[in-house]
Protein backbone atom coordinates (compact mmCIF):
# COMPACT_ATOMS: atom_id res chain seq x y z
CA MET A 1 0.00 0.00 0.00
CA TYR A 2 2.82 2.37 0.90
CA ASP A 3 4.63 1.69 -2.39
CA LEU A 4 1.44 2.30 -4.35
CA LEU A 5 0.82 5.61 -2.57
CA ARG A 6 4.46 6.60 -3.14
CA LYS A 7 4.14 5.79 -6.85
CA GLU A 8 0.97 7.89 -7.19
CA TRP A 9 2.61 10.79 -5.40
CA ILE A 10 5.70 10.61 -7.63
CA ASP A 11 3.51 10.54 -10.74
CA LEU A 12 1.56 13.52 -9.52
CA SER A 13 4.62 15.51 -8.44
CA ARG A 14 6.13 15.10 -11.89
CA ASP A 15 3.27 17.06 -13.39
CA ARG A 16 4.01 20.36 -11.74
CA LYS A 17 1.49 22.25 -13.85
CA ILE A 18 -1.53 20.62 -12.30
CA LEU A 19 -0.07 21.11 -8.83
CA ALA A 20 0.64 24.75 -9.55
CA VAL A 21 -2.83 25.38 -10.98
CA SER A 22 -4.50 23.50 -8.12
CA ILE A 23 -2.74 25.75 -5.63
CA LEU A 24 -2.59 29.06 -7.48
CA LEU A 25 -6.06 29.16 -9.03
CA PRO A 26 -7.91 29.26 -5.68
CA LEU A 27 -5.38 31.84 -4.52
CA LEU A 28 -6.36 33.98 -7.50
CA LEU A 29 -10.09 33.30 -7.75
CA LEU A 30 -11.02 33.59 -4.08
CA PRO A 31 -9.28 36.96 -3.61
CA LEU A 32 -10.87 38.09 -6.90
CA ILE A 33 -14.29 37.19 -5.50
CA GLY A 34 -13.39 39.16 -2.38
CA VAL A 35 -12.33 42.13 -4.50
CA ILE A 36 -15.63 42.04 -6.38
CA ILE A 37 -17.61 41.90 -3.13
CA TYR A 38 -15.60 44.74 -1.60
CA ALA A 39 -15.75 46.81 -4.78
CA SER A 40 -19.49 46.23 -5.12
CA VAL A 41 -20.00 47.52 -1.57
CA THR A 42 -17.66 50.51 -1.87
CA SER A 43 -18.35 51.57 -5.44
CA GLN A 44 -22.03 50.65 -5.41
CA PRO A 45 -23.32 51.88 -2.03
CA PRO A 46 -27.09 52.12 -1.67
CA THR A 47 -28.31 55.38 -3.21
CA VAL A 48 -31.60 57.07 -2.35
CA GLY A 49 -33.17 60.05 -4.10
CA ILE A 50 -35.68 62.12 -2.12
CA VAL A 51 -38.11 64.47 -3.85
CA ASN A 52 -39.79 66.92 -1.47
CA ASN A 53 -42.77 68.84 -2.81
CA ASP A 54 -43.44 70.96 0.30
CA SER A 55 -41.12 72.73 2.72
CA LEU A 56 -43.39 71.64 5.60
CA ASN A 57 -42.25 68.06 4.91
CA MET A 58 -38.63 68.84 5.79
CA PRO A 59 -38.62 67.40 9.33
CA TYR A 60 -39.70 64.03 7.96
CA VAL A 61 -37.40 64.30 4.94
CA LYS A 62 -34.48 65.02 7.28
CA ASP A 63 -35.40 62.03 9.46
CA LEU A 64 -35.31 59.72 6.44
CA GLU A 65 -32.12 61.32 5.07
CA ASN A 66 -30.30 60.93 8.38
CA TYR A 67 -31.45 57.33 8.75
CA VAL A 68 -30.21 56.38 5.25
CA LYS A 69 -26.86 58.11 5.76
CA SER A 70 -26.38 56.49 9.17
CA HIS A 71 -26.75 53.09 7.48
CA GLY A 72 -24.12 53.69 4.79
CA GLY A 73 -26.37 55.08 2.07
CA ILE A 74 -25.97 58.11 -0.19
CA VAL A 75 -28.88 60.57 -0.37
CA TYR A 76 -29.72 62.91 -3.26
CA LEU A 77 -32.25 65.61 -2.42
CA ASN A 78 -34.69 66.94 -5.06
CA ASN A 79 -32.46 67.55 -8.11
CA PHE A 80 -30.31 64.57 -9.12
CA SER A 81 -29.09 63.39 -12.52
CA ALA A 82 -28.08 59.86 -11.54
CA VAL A 83 -30.75 57.16 -11.24
CA PRO A 84 -30.87 56.18 -7.53
CA ASP A 85 -31.59 52.67 -6.35
CA VAL A 86 -34.73 53.96 -4.63
CA GLU A 87 -36.55 57.25 -5.17
CA VAL A 88 -38.87 58.50 -2.41
CA ILE A 89 -41.40 61.23 -3.23
CA PHE A 90 -43.00 63.25 -0.43
CA PRO A 91 -46.17 64.88 -1.87
CA SER A 92 -47.27 68.40 -0.93
CA SER A 93 -50.06 67.01 1.26
CA PHE A 94 -47.75 64.79 3.31
CA ALA A 95 -47.14 67.15 6.25
CA SER A 96 -50.79 68.11 6.68
CA ASN A 97 -51.94 64.47 6.47
CA ILE A 98 -49.37 63.03 8.85
CA SER A 99 -49.98 65.78 11.41
CA ASN A 100 -53.73 65.14 11.38
CA ILE A 101 -54.73 62.36 13.72
CA ASP A 102 -57.52 61.13 11.43
CA ARG A 103 -55.57 61.02 8.14
CA ILE A 104 -53.05 58.73 6.48
CA ALA A 105 -50.02 60.23 4.76
CA THR A 106 -48.66 58.66 1.59
CA VAL A 107 -45.19 58.63 0.07
CA ARG A 108 -44.26 57.32 -3.36
CA GLU A 109 -41.37 54.81 -3.50
CA ILE A 110 -39.85 53.98 -6.89
CA VAL A 111 -37.37 51.10 -7.06
CA LEU A 112 -34.67 50.63 -9.71
CA ILE A 113 -35.21 47.05 -10.87
CA SER A 114 -31.53 46.34 -11.52
CA SER A 115 -30.56 47.22 -7.96
CA GLN A 116 -28.98 44.45 -5.92
CA ASN A 117 -28.15 46.29 -2.73
CA SER A 118 -29.93 47.13 0.49
CA ALA A 119 -31.31 50.53 -0.52
CA GLN A 120 -34.98 49.51 -0.43
CA THR A 121 -34.56 47.79 2.93
CA ILE A 122 -32.90 50.88 4.42
CA VAL A 123 -35.62 53.17 3.02
CA ASN A 124 -38.42 50.95 4.31
CA ASP A 125 -36.79 50.78 7.73
CA GLY A 126 -36.41 54.57 7.74
CA LEU A 127 -40.05 55.09 6.77
CA TYR A 128 -41.12 52.60 9.41
CA GLN A 129 -39.18 54.62 11.97
CA ILE A 130 -41.18 57.70 10.96
CA LEU A 131 -44.39 55.68 11.10
CA TYR A 132 -43.54 54.37 14.54
CA ASN A 133 -42.73 57.81 15.96
CA VAL A 134 -45.90 59.38 14.53
CA SER A 135 -47.95 56.46 15.80
CA LEU A 136 -46.61 56.98 19.32
CA SER A 137 -47.37 60.68 19.21
CA ARG A 138 -50.92 60.01 18.03
CA ILE A 139 -51.52 57.44 20.74
CA SER A 140 -50.14 59.88 23.29
CA LEU A 141 -52.49 62.55 21.98
CA LEU A 142 -55.46 60.23 22.27
CA GLU A 143 -54.57 59.49 25.86
CA ASN A 144 -54.94 63.19 26.66
CA ARG A 145 -58.27 63.59 24.90
CA SER A 146 -61.69 62.10 25.34
CA HIS A 147 -64.70 61.51 23.09
CA ILE A 148 -62.64 61.58 19.89
CA ASN A 149 -64.06 59.46 17.08
CA VAL A 150 -61.13 58.30 14.93
CA SER A 151 -60.21 55.04 13.24
CA PRO A 152 -57.70 52.91 15.21
CA VAL A 153 -56.04 51.95 11.90
CA THR A 154 -55.18 55.57 11.08
CA VAL A 155 -53.71 55.94 14.55
CA ARG A 156 -51.54 52.84 14.38
CA GLU A 157 -50.63 53.10 10.69
CA PRO A 158 -50.41 56.78 9.77
CA LEU A 159 -48.12 56.19 6.78
CA GLN A 160 -48.46 54.03 3.70
CA VAL A 161 -46.11 53.50 0.76
CA GLU A 162 -47.07 53.35 -2.92
CA LEU A 163 -44.46 51.16 -4.58
CA GLY A 164 -43.30 51.62 -8.17
CA TYR A 165 -40.40 50.44 -10.35
CA ILE A 166 -38.12 51.99 -12.97
CA LYS A 167 -35.44 50.68 -15.30
CA PRO A 168 -31.86 52.03 -15.41
CA SER A 169 -33.00 53.94 -18.52
CA LYS A 170 -35.49 55.78 -16.24
CA GLN A 171 -38.47 54.13 -17.93
CA VAL A 172 -41.38 53.24 -15.69
CA THR A 173 -41.86 49.49 -15.38
CA SER A 174 -43.77 46.98 -13.28
CA SER A 175 -43.12 44.58 -10.45
CA SER A 176 -43.31 41.66 -12.90
CA VAL A 177 -40.19 43.00 -14.66
CA ASP A 178 -38.46 43.23 -11.29
CA ARG A 179 -39.34 39.58 -10.68
CA LEU A 180 -38.12 38.77 -14.20
CA GLY A 181 -34.79 40.31 -13.22
CA GLN A 182 -34.66 38.06 -10.16
CA LEU A 183 -35.48 35.08 -12.38
CA ALA A 184 -32.69 36.08 -14.79
CA ARG A 185 -30.19 36.05 -11.93
CA VAL A 186 -31.28 32.54 -10.95
CA ILE A 187 -31.06 31.40 -14.59
CA SER A 188 -27.52 32.80 -14.74
CA LEU A 189 -26.58 30.25 -12.08
CA ILE A 190 -27.97 27.43 -14.23
CA LEU A 191 -26.55 28.41 -17.61
CA PHE A 192 -22.87 27.69 -17.00
CA PRO A 193 -23.29 24.17 -15.54
CA ALA A 194 -25.53 23.39 -18.51
CA ALA A 195 -22.73 24.39 -20.91
CA THR A 196 -19.90 22.41 -19.27
CA PRO A 197 -20.44 19.07 -21.09
CA VAL A 198 -18.82 20.62 -24.16
CA ILE A 199 -15.46 20.59 -22.30
CA PHE A 200 -15.61 16.80 -22.07
CA PHE A 201 -16.75 16.26 -25.66
CA LEU A 202 -14.12 18.55 -27.14
CA THR A 203 -11.16 17.25 -25.15
CA ASP A 204 -12.32 13.65 -25.47
CA GLY A 205 -12.79 14.10 -29.22
CA ILE A 206 -9.17 15.16 -29.67
CA LEU A 207 -7.66 12.83 -27.07
CA GLY A 208 -9.73 9.98 -28.52
CA GLU A 209 -7.97 10.49 -31.83
CA LYS A 210 -4.69 10.40 -29.95
CA GLU A 211 -5.55 7.16 -28.16
CA ARG A 212 -6.67 5.54 -31.44
CA LYS A 213 -3.36 6.58 -33.04
CA THR A 214 -5.25 8.55 -35.72
CA LEU A 215 -4.43 12.07 -34.53
CA GLU A 216 -0.95 12.04 -36.07
CA SER A 217 -2.25 11.03 -39.50
CA LEU A 218 -5.03 13.63 -39.32
CA LEU A 219 -2.61 16.41 -38.47
CA ALA A 220 -0.21 15.25 -41.20
CA SER A 221 -2.95 15.15 -43.84
CA PRO A 222 -3.76 18.06 -46.21
CA ILE A 223 -6.58 19.10 -43.86
CA ALA A 224 -6.03 22.68 -42.76
CA PRO A 225 -5.72 23.24 -39.00
CA ILE A 226 -8.76 25.53 -39.07
CA GLU A 227 -10.81 22.72 -40.65
CA PHE A 228 -9.65 20.20 -38.06
CA ILE A 229 -10.39 22.57 -35.21
CA SER A 230 -13.73 23.71 -36.65
CA ALA A 231 -14.94 20.15 -37.15
CA LYS A 232 -14.07 19.17 -33.59
CA LEU A 233 -15.61 22.37 -32.29
CA ILE A 234 -18.90 22.00 -34.17
CA ILE A 235 -19.38 18.34 -33.23
CA SER A 236 -18.48 19.01 -29.61
CA MET A 237 -20.92 21.94 -29.41
CA ALA A 238 -23.68 19.86 -31.00
CA LEU A 239 -23.10 16.97 -28.58
CA GLY A 240 -22.87 19.42 -25.69
CA ALA A 241 -26.19 21.00 -26.65
CA LEU A 242 -27.85 17.59 -26.99
CA SER A 243 -26.50 16.43 -23.64
CA SER A 244 -27.89 19.59 -22.06
CA LEU A 245 -31.44 19.07 -23.25
CA GLY A 246 -32.31 17.88 -19.76
CA ASP A 247 -30.97 21.12 -18.33
CA LEU A 248 -32.99 23.16 -20.82
CA ILE A 249 -36.16 21.19 -20.09
CA GLY A 250 -35.51 21.74 -16.40
CA LEU A 251 -35.07 25.44 -17.13
CA VAL A 252 -38.45 25.56 -18.86
CA ILE A 253 -40.10 23.76 -15.95
CA PHE A 254 -38.37 26.12 -13.55
CA SER A 255 -39.72 29.12 -15.49
CA ILE A 256 -43.24 27.70 -15.20
CA PHE A 257 -42.91 27.43 -11.44
CA ALA A 258 -40.93 30.69 -11.17
CA PRO A 259 -43.89 32.60 -9.67
CA PHE A 260 -43.56 30.45 -6.55
CA VAL A 261 -39.84 31.26 -6.38
CA VAL A 262 -39.85 35.03 -7.03
CA GLY A 263 -43.18 35.75 -5.39
CA GLY A 264 -45.51 36.43 -8.31
CA SER A 265 -45.74 36.29 -12.08
CA ALA A 266 -42.32 36.89 -13.64
CA GLY A 267 -43.80 37.97 -16.97
CA VAL A 268 -41.56 35.75 -19.12
CA THR A 269 -41.64 37.19 -22.65
CA ALA A 270 -40.58 35.86 -26.05
CA SER A 271 -37.67 38.33 -26.19
CA PHE A 272 -36.45 37.16 -22.77
CA SER A 273 -36.68 33.52 -23.85
CA ILE A 274 -34.68 34.28 -27.01
CA SER A 275 -32.10 36.16 -24.92
CA VAL A 276 -31.71 33.13 -22.63
CA VAL A 277 -31.24 30.79 -25.62
CA VAL A 278 -28.63 33.14 -27.15
CA ALA A 279 -26.82 33.37 -23.81
CA TYR A 280 -26.83 29.57 -23.53
CA LEU A 281 -25.42 29.11 -27.05
CA LEU A 282 -22.75 31.73 -26.37
CA MET A 283 -21.85 29.90 -23.15
CA ILE A 284 -21.30 26.73 -25.18
CA LEU A 285 -19.31 28.50 -27.90
CA LEU A 286 -17.09 30.38 -25.45
CA THR A 287 -16.52 27.25 -23.37
CA ALA A 288 -15.51 25.31 -26.47
CA SER A 289 -13.24 28.09 -27.75
CA ILE A 290 -11.43 28.51 -24.42
CA SER A 291 -11.09 24.73 -24.00
CA LEU A 292 -9.61 24.42 -27.48
CA MET A 293 -7.19 27.31 -26.96
CA LEU A 294 -5.92 25.85 -23.67
CA LEU A 295 -5.67 22.38 -25.21
CA VAL A 296 -3.56 23.72 -28.08
CA ILE A 297 -1.33 25.73 -25.74
CA ILE A 298 -0.63 23.24 -22.94
CA GLY A 299 -1.08 19.96 -24.79
CA GLY A 300 -3.44 17.02 -24.62
CA SER A 301 -2.49 14.90 -21.63
CA PRO A 302 -5.29 13.72 -19.31
CA ARG A 303 -3.96 15.88 -16.50
CA ASN A 304 -3.84 18.91 -18.77
CA VAL A 305 -7.53 18.28 -19.43
CA GLN A 306 -8.08 18.46 -15.68
CA ILE A 307 -6.33 21.83 -15.64
CA ILE A 308 -8.55 23.05 -18.47
CA ASN A 309 -11.68 21.90 -16.69
CA PHE A 310 -10.51 23.49 -13.44
CA LEU A 311 -9.77 26.85 -15.07
CA ILE A 312 -13.02 27.09 -17.00
CA THR A 313 -15.12 25.94 -14.06
CA GLY A 314 -13.47 28.54 -11.84
CA PHE A 315 -14.32 31.42 -14.18
CA GLY A 316 -17.83 30.08 -14.68
CA MET A 317 -18.42 30.01 -10.94
CA LEU A 318 -17.09 33.55 -10.69
CA ALA A 319 -19.58 34.70 -13.33
CA SER A 320 -22.47 32.97 -11.58
CA PHE A 321 -21.45 34.53 -8.29
CA SER A 322 -21.26 37.98 -9.88
CA ALA A 323 -24.83 37.63 -11.14
CA LEU A 324 -26.07 37.50 -7.55
CA ILE A 325 -24.25 40.47 -6.05
CA LEU A 326 -23.60 43.01 -8.83
CA ASN A 327 -25.83 45.69 -10.28
CA PHE A 328 -25.06 45.30 -13.99
CA GLY A 329 -27.24 48.31 -14.80
CA SER A 330 -24.62 50.67 -13.35
CA LEU A 331 -21.23 49.00 -12.95
CA GLY A 332 -19.20 52.21 -13.07
CA SER A 333 -15.67 51.47 -11.87
CA LEU A 334 -16.48 47.75 -11.85
CA SER A 335 -16.79 47.62 -15.64
CA PHE A 336 -13.45 45.80 -15.79
CA ILE A 337 -15.13 42.58 -14.67
CA LEU A 338 -16.86 42.36 -18.05
CA ALA A 339 -13.47 41.24 -19.41
CA ILE A 340 -13.69 38.08 -17.25
CA PRO A 341 -14.94 35.09 -19.29
CA TYR A 342 -18.68 34.42 -18.93
CA VAL A 343 -19.35 37.56 -16.87
CA GLN A 344 -20.19 39.49 -20.04
CA ILE A 345 -22.80 36.86 -21.00
CA VAL A 346 -24.46 37.13 -17.60
CA GLY A 347 -24.30 40.92 -17.87
CA GLY A 348 -25.89 40.83 -21.32
CA LEU A 349 -28.75 38.65 -20.10
CA LEU A 350 -29.49 41.01 -17.21
CA ASP A 351 -29.08 44.12 -19.37
CA GLY A 352 -31.78 42.77 -21.68
CA VAL A 353 -34.19 42.47 -18.76
CA PHE A 354 -33.35 45.96 -17.55
CA GLY A 355 -34.08 47.52 -20.94
CA LEU A 356 -30.44 48.16 -21.86
CA THR A 357 -30.80 46.47 -25.24
CA ASN A 358 -27.80 48.14 -26.88
CA GLN A 359 -25.49 47.06 -24.05
CA MET A 360 -26.87 43.53 -24.26
CA ILE A 361 -26.17 43.37 -28.00
CA GLU A 362 -22.66 44.77 -27.51
CA LEU A 363 -21.81 42.16 -24.88
CA TYR A 364 -23.29 39.29 -26.90
CA VAL A 365 -21.56 40.37 -30.13
CA GLY A 366 -18.31 40.95 -28.23
CA THR A 367 -18.47 37.43 -26.79
CA LEU A 368 -19.15 35.98 -30.24
CA ALA A 369 -16.23 37.91 -31.75
CA ALA A 370 -13.88 36.85 -28.93
CA SER A 371 -14.88 33.20 -29.37
CA ILE A 372 -14.25 33.31 -33.11
CA LEU A 373 -10.92 35.07 -32.52
CA LEU A 374 -9.86 32.32 -30.10
CA LEU A 375 -10.76 29.73 -32.74
CA ILE A 376 -8.66 31.49 -35.39
CA ILE A 377 -5.69 31.92 -33.03
CA SER A 378 -5.91 28.25 -32.03
CA SER A 379 -5.67 27.18 -35.66
CA ARG A 380 -2.68 29.46 -36.23
CA ILE A 381 -0.64 28.35 -33.22
CA LEU A 382 -1.58 24.66 -33.40
CA ASN A 383 1.57 22.67 -32.70
CA PRO A 384 1.02 19.00 -33.67
CA GLU A 385 4.03 17.82 -31.65
CA ARG A 386 2.81 19.52 -28.46
CA LEU A 387 -0.66 18.07 -28.97
CA LEU A 388 0.72 14.62 -29.65
CA LEU A 389 3.45 14.40 -27.03
CA ARG A 390 2.01 16.29 -24.08
């Protein structure tokens, strides 16, 4: 047993690349995830815009402003050019209604659907604080009076919120689109695992030729490298798509039951369905192109295939993780992450939901162009000896 373990360790230690990647990749990816989380918190703090239509509302406006700021938020008052995560509108009748014991005051709350931070929670907590304080003052007033005929509901709940939604383009939208955005984030987690079978089919297709001793004759034949690579790529993508039919069927079933997940009808549209299909196909194409490029560069040994799978899976997980925590509608200084493989596909899918059609098209076309470029480069730098011997 000892000799067998020693042999396995010697075999593994000889392949220093897989050891290096196994150690270094987590050291790179995990800090990168931490950087994204930190950057998303620091560069995308919760932003709240307050519109005050009456100077008499200022005490309540100040209460909300101070509460948001004390919880790490940024507040824009009245005139603001940027689209805040949440916009709160105090109407002109607010002060008179909230100061009258028999009336209910109303504020308008408009939520940016692409927001993924705590702005709405902070605003709601701040408004509840106002509600609670006014409620106490009304109850105290009732204690000092007699024979007053008022509704207990208006005493206990003197403030109500009218909720609305907007897109990053400032267009008014509905809660169903907000739920569609939540659904898109969940789908982003499913897309990459559904595209991973292409890694196996592509590497196995080339290594299978090597094991059958036919790879050398194929590479020595008049077939151009681009033809060899394209054929393997197309077949691998087709097999990968077929093997993922179960995932796609599961995705359809998930969409049907999405209302139970996101809390209401998600309003799945034909354009959204097409966008998901395009994102899925781009996932497959990009996965195949990166797999092929790495296979051509580092060679076709079984352990090199493990390195390829490890690298691609790591970036795919990073993209899925980014879909949950980032606001792709306003990345700002975080735009650099769109250069990370797969993140741009997730960003394009979410941009389509948020009404940023041009950005979606740019990201999708950019991914397509990058995949084709990788295919061309792979055919140019293909080294038959490296592929055969390593």
